[in-house]
Each structure stands twice: as structure tokens, then as C-alpha cells.
Amino acid sequence: MKTERAKEILLNLLKIPSPSGSEDRIALHIMEFLHKLDYDVHIESDGEIIDLVVNPDAELFYEVHMDTIPMRAEPFVRGNIVYGT
């Protein structure tokens, strides 16, 4: 993936509010992005926690958080670094 495209993707993710317990918007955004890349993606939820499951039969497993703290300012790029405050 090219650096500029990676920065664009990260900036778009940072602009989506996703405080703990309200990760539905970012989960849907990520799911749509991965669907466009032909990944097998679905959401599982117990009503409190949202899990985004990608290719459940894959040999590689990642676990990440989608929740964020509230932003104090718009995310920005300086050089090749993306900042979110």
C-alpha cells in the first residue's frame, strides 16, 4: 500500500467518533472497506461489544480496539506522520 493511501485511510478512520460502547459507525466503515477488497467480513455483537470478524478460517489472527478517546482537534498530517489529538 502506498504511503499517501495509508495516510488517507487513517485520517478517515480518525474522523469517525468511536467512544467505548459506540463503535458501530467505525465497525461498519471498516467492514465496507474490507468488503470492497473482497474479504469475508461480518459483525458479531452481544449488544454491548462489537466484534468485526474477518476471514474466520484464516491462519493469522489480529485483535485490535476500535474505540477511541474524543478528539480535541481535527486529525492532521505533518510530513509522513498522522496526528490525532
PDB file of N, CA and C in Angstrom:
ATOM      1  N   MET A   1       0.854  -1.179   0.000  1.00  0.00           N
ATOM      2  CA  MET A   1       0.000   0.000   0.000  1.00  0.00           C
ATOM      3  C   MET A   1       0.894   1.233   0.000  1.00  0.00           C
ATOM      4  N   LYS A   2       0.547   2.182  -0.785  1.00  0.00           N
ATOM      5  CA  LYS A   2       1.309   3.425  -0.880  1.00  0.00           C
ATOM      6  C   LYS A   2       1.103   4.270   0.374  1.00  0.00           C
ATOM      7  N   THR A   3       2.128   5.046   0.723  1.00  0.00           N
ATOM      8  CA  THR A   3       2.096   5.878   1.929  1.00  0.00           C
ATOM      9  C   THR A   3       0.928   6.857   1.908  1.00  0.00           C
ATOM     10  N   GLU A   4       0.705   7.519   0.789  1.00  0.00           N
ATOM     11  CA  GLU A   4      -0.381   8.505   0.714  1.00  0.00           C
ATOM     12  C   GLU A   4      -1.739   7.849   0.939  1.00  0.00           C
ATOM     13  N   ARG A   5      -1.936   6.673   0.378  1.00  0.00           N
ATOM     14  CA  ARG A   5      -3.210   5.956   0.557  1.00  0.00           C
ATOM     15  C   ARG A   5      -3.380   5.532   2.007  1.00  0.00           C
ATOM     16  N   ALA A   6      -2.305   5.074   2.639  1.00  0.00           N
ATOM     17  CA  ALA A   6      -2.371   4.675   4.051  1.00  0.00           C
ATOM     18  C   ALA A   6      -2.727   5.871   4.927  1.00  0.00           C
ATOM     19  N   LYS A   7      -2.141   7.032   4.650  1.00  0.00           N
ATOM     20  CA  LYS A   7      -2.464   8.241   5.425  1.00  0.00           C
ATOM     21  C   LYS A   7      -3.928   8.623   5.242  1.00  0.00           C
ATOM     22  N   GLU A   8      -4.423   8.531   4.005  1.00  0.00           N
ATOM     23  CA  GLU A   8      -5.823   8.855   3.723  1.00  0.00           C
ATOM     24  C   GLU A   8      -6.765   7.935   4.497  1.00  0.00           C
ATOM     25  N   ILE A   9      -6.470   6.649   4.506  1.00  0.00           N
ATOM     26  CA  ILE A   9      -7.298   5.679   5.230  1.00  0.00           C
ATOM     27  C   ILE A   9      -7.293   5.984   6.721  1.00  0.00           C
ATOM     28  N   LEU A  10      -6.114   6.234   7.284  1.00  0.00           N
ATOM     29  CA  LEU A  10      -6.013   6.531   8.713  1.00  0.00           C
ATOM     30  C   LEU A  10      -6.747   7.816   9.067  1.00  0.00           C
ATOM     31  N   LEU A  11      -6.597   8.861   8.270  1.00  0.00           N
ATOM     32  CA  LEU A  11      -7.309  10.117   8.532  1.00  0.00           C
ATOM     33  C   LEU A  11      -8.819   9.903   8.523  1.00  0.00           C
ATOM     34  N   ASN A  12      -9.318   9.119   7.574  1.00  0.00           N
ATOM     35  CA  ASN A  12     -10.757   8.832   7.525  1.00  0.00           C
ATOM     36  C   ASN A  12     -11.216   8.090   8.773  1.00  0.00           C
ATOM     37  N   LEU A  13     -10.417   7.141   9.244  1.00  0.00           N
ATOM     38  CA  LEU A  13     -10.771   6.404  10.464  1.00  0.00           C
ATOM     39  C   LEU A  13     -10.777   7.323  11.684  1.00  0.00           C
ATOM     40  N   LEU A  14      -9.785   8.202  11.769  1.00  0.00           N
ATOM     41  CA  LEU A  14      -9.691   9.102  12.923  1.00  0.00           C
ATOM     42  C   LEU A  14     -10.850  10.089  12.995  1.00  0.00           C
ATOM     43  N   LYS A  15     -11.471  10.378  11.870  1.00  0.00           N
ATOM     44  CA  LYS A  15     -12.581  11.337  11.839  1.00  0.00           C
ATOM     45  C   LYS A  15     -13.907  10.731  12.293  1.00  0.00           C
ATOM     46  N   ILE A  16     -13.946   9.415  12.490  1.00  0.00           N
ATOM     47  CA  ILE A  16     -15.183   8.746  12.901  1.00  0.00           C
ATOM     48  C   ILE A  16     -15.201   8.624  14.421  1.00  0.00           C
ATOM     49  N   PRO A  17     -16.121   9.324  15.097  1.00  0.00           N
ATOM     50  CA  PRO A  17     -16.196   9.193  16.560  1.00  0.00           C
ATOM     51  C   PRO A  17     -16.508   7.739  16.942  1.00  0.00           C
ATOM     52  N   SER A  18     -15.727   7.195  17.863  1.00  0.00           N
ATOM     53  CA  SER A  18     -15.955   5.804  18.280  1.00  0.00           C
ATOM     54  C   SER A  18     -15.598   5.604  19.744  1.00  0.00           C
ATOM     55  N   PRO A  19     -16.286   6.356  20.639  1.00  0.00           N
ATOM     56  CA  PRO A  19     -16.013   6.155  22.069  1.00  0.00           C
ATOM     57  C   PRO A  19     -16.440   4.756  22.512  1.00  0.00           C
ATOM     58  N   SER A  20     -15.886   4.294  23.604  1.00  0.00           N
ATOM     59  CA  SER A  20     -16.213   2.959  24.123  1.00  0.00           C
ATOM     60  C   SER A  20     -17.719   2.771  24.211  1.00  0.00           C
ATOM     61  N   GLY A  21     -18.186   1.654  23.679  1.00  0.00           N
ATOM     62  CA  GLY A  21     -19.612   1.351  23.690  1.00  0.00           C
ATOM     63  C   GLY A  21     -20.357   1.876  22.480  1.00  0.00           C
ATOM     64  N   SER A  22     -19.679   2.661  21.642  1.00  0.00           N
ATOM     65  CA  SER A  22     -20.319   3.239  20.446  1.00  0.00           C
ATOM     66  C   SER A  22     -19.425   3.074  19.219  1.00  0.00           C
ATOM     67  N   GLU A  23     -18.942   1.870  19.021  1.00  0.00           N
ATOM     68  CA  GLU A  23     -18.021   1.610  17.920  1.00  0.00           C
ATOM     69  C   GLU A  23     -18.724   1.184  16.639  1.00  0.00           C
ATOM     70  N   ASP A  24     -20.066   1.251  16.602  1.00  0.00           N
ATOM     71  CA  ASP A  24     -20.805   0.735  15.455  1.00  0.00           C
ATOM     72  C   ASP A  24     -20.459   1.446  14.149  1.00  0.00           C
ATOM     73  N   ARG A  25     -20.317   2.777  14.164  1.00  0.00           N
ATOM     74  CA  ARG A  25     -20.022   3.512  12.927  1.00  0.00           C
ATOM     75  C   ARG A  25     -18.669   3.127  12.346  1.00  0.00           C
ATOM     76  N   ILE A  26     -17.661   3.033  13.199  1.00  0.00           N
ATOM     77  CA  ILE A  26     -16.331   2.697  12.689  1.00  0.00           C
ATOM     78  C   ILE A  26     -16.279   1.239  12.248  1.00  0.00           C
ATOM     79  N   ALA A  27     -16.992   0.365  12.947  1.00  0.00           N
ATOM     80  CA  ALA A  27     -17.037  -1.048  12.552  1.00  0.00           C
ATOM     81  C   ALA A  27     -17.668  -1.186  11.167  1.00  0.00           C
ATOM     82  N   LEU A  28     -18.756  -0.466  10.916  1.00  0.00           N
ATOM     83  CA  LEU A  28     -19.402  -0.513   9.601  1.00  0.00           C
ATOM     84  C   LEU A  28     -18.489   0.049   8.516  1.00  0.00           C
ATOM     85  N   HIS A  29     -17.785   1.133   8.836  1.00  0.00           N
ATOM     86  CA  HIS A  29     -16.852   1.736   7.878  1.00  0.00           C
ATOM     87  C   HIS A  29     -15.754   0.740   7.501  1.00  0.00           C
ATOM     88  N   ILE A  30     -15.162   0.099   8.490  1.00  0.00           N
ATOM     89  CA  ILE A  30     -14.095  -0.876   8.243  1.00  0.00           C
ATOM     90  C   ILE A  30     -14.641  -2.074   7.470  1.00  0.00           C
ATOM     91  N   MET A  31     -15.839  -2.525   7.838  1.00  0.00           N
ATOM     92  CA  MET A  31     -16.445  -3.661   7.155  1.00  0.00           C
ATOM     93  C   MET A  31     -16.665  -3.348   5.671  1.00  0.00           C
ATOM     94  N   GLU A  32     -17.199  -2.168   5.361  1.00  0.00           N
ATOM     95  CA  GLU A  32     -17.420  -1.778   3.967  1.00  0.00           C
ATOM     96  C   GLU A  32     -16.095  -1.695   3.209  1.00  0.00           C
ATOM     97  N   PHE A  33     -15.074  -1.143   3.847  1.00  0.00           N
ATOM     98  CA  PHE A  33     -13.749  -1.040   3.230  1.00  0.00           C
ATOM     99  C   PHE A  33     -13.208  -2.426   2.886  1.00  0.00           C
ATOM    100  N   LEU A  34     -13.311  -3.360   3.830  1.00  0.00           N
ATOM    101  CA  LEU A  34     -12.795  -4.708   3.613  1.00  0.00           C
ATOM    102  C   LEU A  34     -13.633  -5.497   2.609  1.00  0.00           C
ATOM    103  N   HIS A  35     -14.958  -5.254   2.583  1.00  0.00           N
ATOM    104  CA  HIS A  35     -15.809  -5.901   1.567  1.00  0.00           C
ATOM    105  C   HIS A  35     -15.347  -5.514   0.164  1.00  0.00           C
ATOM    106  N   LYS A  36     -14.984  -4.236  -0.018  1.00  0.00           N
ATOM    107  CA  LYS A  36     -14.516  -3.770  -1.330  1.00  0.00           C
ATOM    108  C   LYS A  36     -13.227  -4.477  -1.745  1.00  0.00           C
ATOM    109  N   LEU A  37     -12.478  -4.973  -0.780  1.00  0.00           N
ATOM    110  CA  LEU A  37     -11.246  -5.719  -1.061  1.00  0.00           C
ATOM    111  C   LEU A  37     -11.507  -7.225  -1.126  1.00  0.00           C
ATOM    112  N   ASP A  38     -12.795  -7.597  -1.146  1.00  0.00           N
ATOM    113  CA  ASP A  38     -13.238  -8.996  -1.256  1.00  0.00           C
ATOM    114  C   ASP A  38     -12.903  -9.863  -0.047  1.00  0.00           C
ATOM    115  N   TYR A  39     -12.842  -9.258   1.132  1.00  0.00           N
ATOM    116  CA  TYR A  39     -12.666 -10.048   2.349  1.00  0.00           C
ATOM    117  C   TYR A  39     -14.025 -10.525   2.847  1.00  0.00           C
ATOM    118  N   ASP A  40     -14.035 -11.685   3.462  1.00  0.00           N
ATOM    119  CA  ASP A  40     -15.222 -12.232   4.115  1.00  0.00           C
ATOM    120  C   ASP A  40     -15.298 -11.574   5.492  1.00  0.00           C
ATOM    121  N   VAL A  41     -16.246 -10.657   5.674  1.00  0.00           N
ATOM    122  CA  VAL A  41     -16.335  -9.864   6.904  1.00  0.00           C
ATOM    123  C   VAL A  41     -17.754  -9.902   7.441  1.00  0.00           C
ATOM    124  N   HIS A  42     -17.889 -10.035   8.746  1.00  0.00           N
ATOM    125  CA  HIS A  42     -19.201  -9.878   9.370  1.00  0.00           C
ATOM    126  C   HIS A  42     -19.022  -9.319  10.784  1.00  0.00           C
ATOM    127  N   ILE A  43     -20.116  -8.799  11.304  1.00  0.00           N
ATOM    128  CA  ILE A  43     -20.112  -8.218  12.649  1.00  0.00           C
ATOM    129  C   ILE A  43     -20.846  -9.155  13.589  1.00  0.00           C
ATOM    130  N   GLU A  44     -20.256  -9.372  14.745  1.00  0.00           N
ATOM    131  CA  GLU A  44     -20.904 -10.108  15.829  1.00  0.00           C
ATOM    132  C   GLU A  44     -21.022  -9.149  17.003  1.00  0.00           C
ATOM    133  N   SER A  45     -22.160  -9.183  17.678  1.00  0.00           N
ATOM    134  CA  SER A  45     -22.365  -8.283  18.808  1.00  0.00           C
ATOM    135  C   SER A  45     -23.237  -8.956  19.857  1.00  0.00           C
ATOM    136  N   ASP A  46     -22.900  -8.704  21.101  1.00  0.00           N
ATOM    137  CA  ASP A  46     -23.731  -9.204  22.194  1.00  0.00           C
ATOM    138  C   ASP A  46     -24.608  -8.085  22.745  1.00  0.00           C
ATOM    139  N   GLY A  47     -24.690  -6.968  22.001  1.00  0.00           N
ATOM    140  CA  GLY A  47     -25.459  -5.821  22.443  1.00  0.00           C
ATOM    141  C   GLY A  47     -24.605  -4.793  23.156  1.00  0.00           C
ATOM    142  N   GLU A  48     -23.458  -5.202  23.629  1.00  0.00           N
ATOM    143  CA  GLU A  48     -22.549  -4.303  24.329  1.00  0.00           C
ATOM    144  C   GLU A  48     -21.230  -4.162  23.581  1.00  0.00           C
ATOM    145  N   ILE A  49     -20.691  -5.285  23.165  1.00  0.00           N
ATOM    146  CA  ILE A  49     -19.398  -5.309  22.491  1.00  0.00           C
ATOM    147  C   ILE A  49     -19.603  -5.680  21.031  1.00  0.00           C
ATOM    148  N   ILE A  50     -18.928  -4.944  20.137  1.00  0.00           N
ATOM    149  CA  ILE A  50     -18.990  -5.227  18.710  1.00  0.00           C
ATOM    150  C   ILE A  50     -17.686  -5.890  18.293  1.00  0.00           C
ATOM    151  N   ASP A  51     -17.795  -7.037  17.653  1.00  0.00           N
ATOM    152  CA  ASP A  51     -16.636  -7.728  17.099  1.00  0.00           C
ATOM    153  C   ASP A  51     -16.747  -7.717  15.586  1.00  0.00           C
ATOM    154  N   LEU A  52     -15.695  -7.299  14.934  1.00  0.00           N
ATOM    155  CA  LEU A  52     -15.614  -7.334  13.482  1.00  0.00           C
ATOM    156  C   LEU A  52     -14.767  -8.548  13.127  1.00  0.00           C
ATOM    157  N   VAL A  53     -15.384  -9.545  12.512  1.00  0.00           N
ATOM    158  CA  VAL A  53     -14.710 -10.809  12.219  1.00  0.00           C
ATOM    159  C   VAL A  53     -14.383 -10.854  10.725  1.00  0.00           C
ATOM    160  N   VAL A  54     -13.099 -11.004  10.421  1.00  0.00           N
ATOM    161  CA  VAL A  54     -12.620 -11.030   9.042  1.00  0.00           C
ATOM    162  C   VAL A  54     -11.991 -12.384   8.764  1.00  0.00           C
ATOM    163  N   ASN A  55     -12.453 -13.054   7.710  1.00  0.00           N
ATOM    164  CA  ASN A  55     -11.906 -14.362   7.317  1.00  0.00           C
ATOM    165  C   ASN A  55     -11.687 -15.272   8.523  1.00  0.00           C
ATOM    166  N   PRO A  56     -12.757 -15.751   9.140  1.00  0.00           N
ATOM    167  CA  PRO A  56     -12.628 -16.542  10.369  1.00  0.00           C
ATOM    168  C   PRO A  56     -11.816 -17.827  10.215  1.00  0.00           C
ATOM    169  N   ASP A  57     -11.604 -18.303   8.989  1.00  0.00           N
ATOM    170  CA  ASP A  57     -10.832 -19.528   8.782  1.00  0.00           C
ATOM    171  C   ASP A  57      -9.349 -19.265   8.519  1.00  0.00           C
ATOM    172  N   ALA A  58      -8.933 -18.020   8.558  1.00  0.00           N
ATOM    173  CA  ALA A  58      -7.535 -17.679   8.272  1.00  0.00           C
ATOM    174  C   ALA A  58      -6.609 -18.179   9.379  1.00  0.00           C
ATOM    175  N   GLU A  59      -5.353 -18.378   9.020  1.00  0.00           N
ATOM    176  CA  GLU A  59      -4.362 -18.844   9.989  1.00  0.00           C
ATOM    177  C   GLU A  59      -3.778 -17.705  10.815  1.00  0.00           C
ATOM    178  N   LEU A  60      -3.923 -16.474  10.354  1.00  0.00           N
ATOM    179  CA  LEU A  60      -3.380 -15.307  11.045  1.00  0.00           C
ATOM    180  C   LEU A  60      -4.509 -14.600  11.781  1.00  0.00           C
ATOM    181  N   PHE A  61      -4.248 -14.163  13.005  1.00  0.00           N
ATOM    182  CA  PHE A  61      -5.281 -13.561  13.844  1.00  0.00           C
ATOM    183  C   PHE A  61      -4.776 -12.241  14.408  1.00  0.00           C
ATOM    184  N   TYR A  62      -5.572 -11.191  14.285  1.00  0.00           N
ATOM    185  CA  TYR A  62      -5.279  -9.892  14.892  1.00  0.00           C
ATOM    186  C   TYR A  62      -6.427  -9.532  15.818  1.00  0.00           C
ATOM    187  N   GLU A  63      -6.099  -8.889  16.911  1.00  0.00           N
ATOM    188  CA  GLU A  63      -7.129  -8.360  17.799  1.00  0.00           C
ATOM    189  C   GLU A  63      -6.789  -6.903  18.059  1.00  0.00           C
ATOM    190  N   VAL A  64      -7.732  -6.021  17.752  1.00  0.00           N
ATOM    191  CA  VAL A  64      -7.488  -4.592  17.915  1.00  0.00           C
ATOM    192  C   VAL A  64      -8.722  -3.927  18.516  1.00  0.00           C
ATOM    193  N   HIS A  65      -8.517  -2.764  19.073  1.00  0.00           N
ATOM    194  CA  HIS A  65      -9.618  -1.957  19.598  1.00  0.00           C
ATOM    195  C   HIS A  65     -10.081  -0.984  18.529  1.00  0.00           C
ATOM    196  N   MET A  66     -11.383  -0.745  18.464  1.00  0.00           N
ATOM    197  CA  MET A  66     -11.931   0.248  17.546  1.00  0.00           C
ATOM    198  C   MET A  66     -12.372   1.494  18.293  1.00  0.00           C
ATOM    199  N   ASP A  67     -12.385   1.439  19.635  1.00  0.00           N
ATOM    200  CA  ASP A  67     -12.823   2.607  20.391  1.00  0.00           C
ATOM    201  C   ASP A  67     -11.676   3.606  20.510  1.00  0.00           C
ATOM    202  N   THR A  68     -12.053   4.881  20.612  1.00  0.00           N
ATOM    203  CA  THR A  68     -11.081   5.966  20.714  1.00  0.00           C
ATOM    204  C   THR A  68     -11.520   6.958  21.779  1.00  0.00           C
ATOM    205  N   ILE A  69     -10.589   7.792  22.194  1.00  0.00           N
ATOM    206  CA  ILE A  69     -10.946   8.888  23.085  1.00  0.00           C
ATOM    207  C   ILE A  69     -11.464  10.033  22.224  1.00  0.00           C
ATOM    208  N   PRO A  70     -12.288  10.935  22.779  1.00  0.00           N
ATOM    209  CA  PRO A  70     -12.789  12.061  21.979  1.00  0.00           C
ATOM    210  C   PRO A  70     -11.637  12.926  21.459  1.00  0.00           C
ATOM    211  N   MET A  71     -11.764  13.362  20.220  1.00  0.00           N
ATOM    212  CA  MET A  71     -10.746  14.213  19.603  1.00  0.00           C
ATOM    213  C   MET A  71     -10.918  15.648  20.083  1.00  0.00           C
ATOM    214  N   ARG A  72      -9.800  16.320  20.321  1.00  0.00           N
ATOM    215  CA  ARG A  72      -9.831  17.733  20.696  1.00  0.00           C
ATOM    216  C   ARG A  72      -9.672  18.637  19.486  1.00  0.00           C
ATOM    217  N   ALA A  73      -9.155  18.069  18.393  1.00  0.00           N
ATOM    218  CA  ALA A  73      -8.943  18.829  17.157  1.00  0.00           C
ATOM    219  C   ALA A  73      -9.013  17.857  15.985  1.00  0.00           C
ATOM    220  N   GLU A  74      -9.138  18.399  14.793  1.00  0.00           N
ATOM    221  CA  GLU A  74      -9.152  17.566  13.595  1.00  0.00           C
ATOM    222  C   GLU A  74      -7.792  16.888  13.427  1.00  0.00           C
ATOM    223  N   PRO A  75      -7.781  15.626  13.015  1.00  0.00           N
ATOM    224  CA  PRO A  75      -6.501  14.968  12.739  1.00  0.00           C
ATOM    225  C   PRO A  75      -5.794  15.680  11.582  1.00  0.00           C
ATOM    226  N   PHE A  76      -4.462  15.634  11.571  1.00  0.00           N
ATOM    227  CA  PHE A  76      -3.702  16.311  10.525  1.00  0.00           C
ATOM    228  C   PHE A  76      -2.424  15.545  10.220  1.00  0.00           C
ATOM    229  N   VAL A  77      -1.821  15.894   9.097  1.00  0.00           N
ATOM    230  CA  VAL A  77      -0.584  15.255   8.652  1.00  0.00           C
ATOM    231  C   VAL A  77       0.528  16.290   8.665  1.00  0.00           C
ATOM    232  N   ARG A  78       1.669  15.894   9.209  1.00  0.00           N
ATOM    233  CA  ARG A  78       2.877  16.717   9.149  1.00  0.00           C
ATOM    234  C   ARG A  78       3.992  15.795   8.665  1.00  0.00           C
ATOM    235  N   GLY A  79       4.465  16.052   7.454  1.00  0.00           N
ATOM    236  CA  GLY A  79       5.440  15.143   6.856  1.00  0.00           C
ATOM    237  C   GLY A  79       4.757  13.823   6.545  1.00  0.00           C
ATOM    238  N   ASN A  80       5.309  12.742   7.047  1.00  0.00           N
ATOM    239  CA  ASN A  80       4.699  11.420   6.860  1.00  0.00           C
ATOM    240  C   ASN A  80       4.034  10.910   8.123  1.00  0.00           C
ATOM    241  N   ILE A  81       3.769  11.808   9.074  1.00  0.00           N
ATOM    242  CA  ILE A  81       3.173  11.411  10.349  1.00  0.00           C
ATOM    243  C   ILE A  81       1.749  11.948  10.441  1.00  0.00           C
ATOM    244  N   VAL A  82       0.815  11.078  10.826  1.00  0.00           N
ATOM    245  CA  VAL A  82      -0.578  11.465  11.041  1.00  0.00           C
ATOM    246  C   VAL A  82      -0.764  11.695  12.531  1.00  0.00           C
ATOM    247  N   TYR A  83      -1.323  12.853  12.881  1.00  0.00           N
ATOM    248  CA  TYR A  83      -1.565  13.201  14.277  1.00  0.00           C
ATOM    249  C   TYR A  83      -3.062  13.261  14.543  1.00  0.00           C
ATOM    250  N   GLY A  84      -3.476  12.721  15.660  1.00  0.00           N
ATOM    251  CA  GLY A  84      -4.846  12.827  16.130  1.00  0.00           C
ATOM    252  C   GLY A  84      -4.778  13.226  17.594  1.00  0.00           C
ATOM    253  N   THR A  85      -5.408  14.331  17.945  1.00  0.00           N
ATOM    254  CA  THR A  85      -5.298  14.825  19.324  1.00  0.00           C
ATOM    255  C   THR A  85      -6.633  14.878  20.011  1.00  0.00           C
TER     256      THR A  85
END
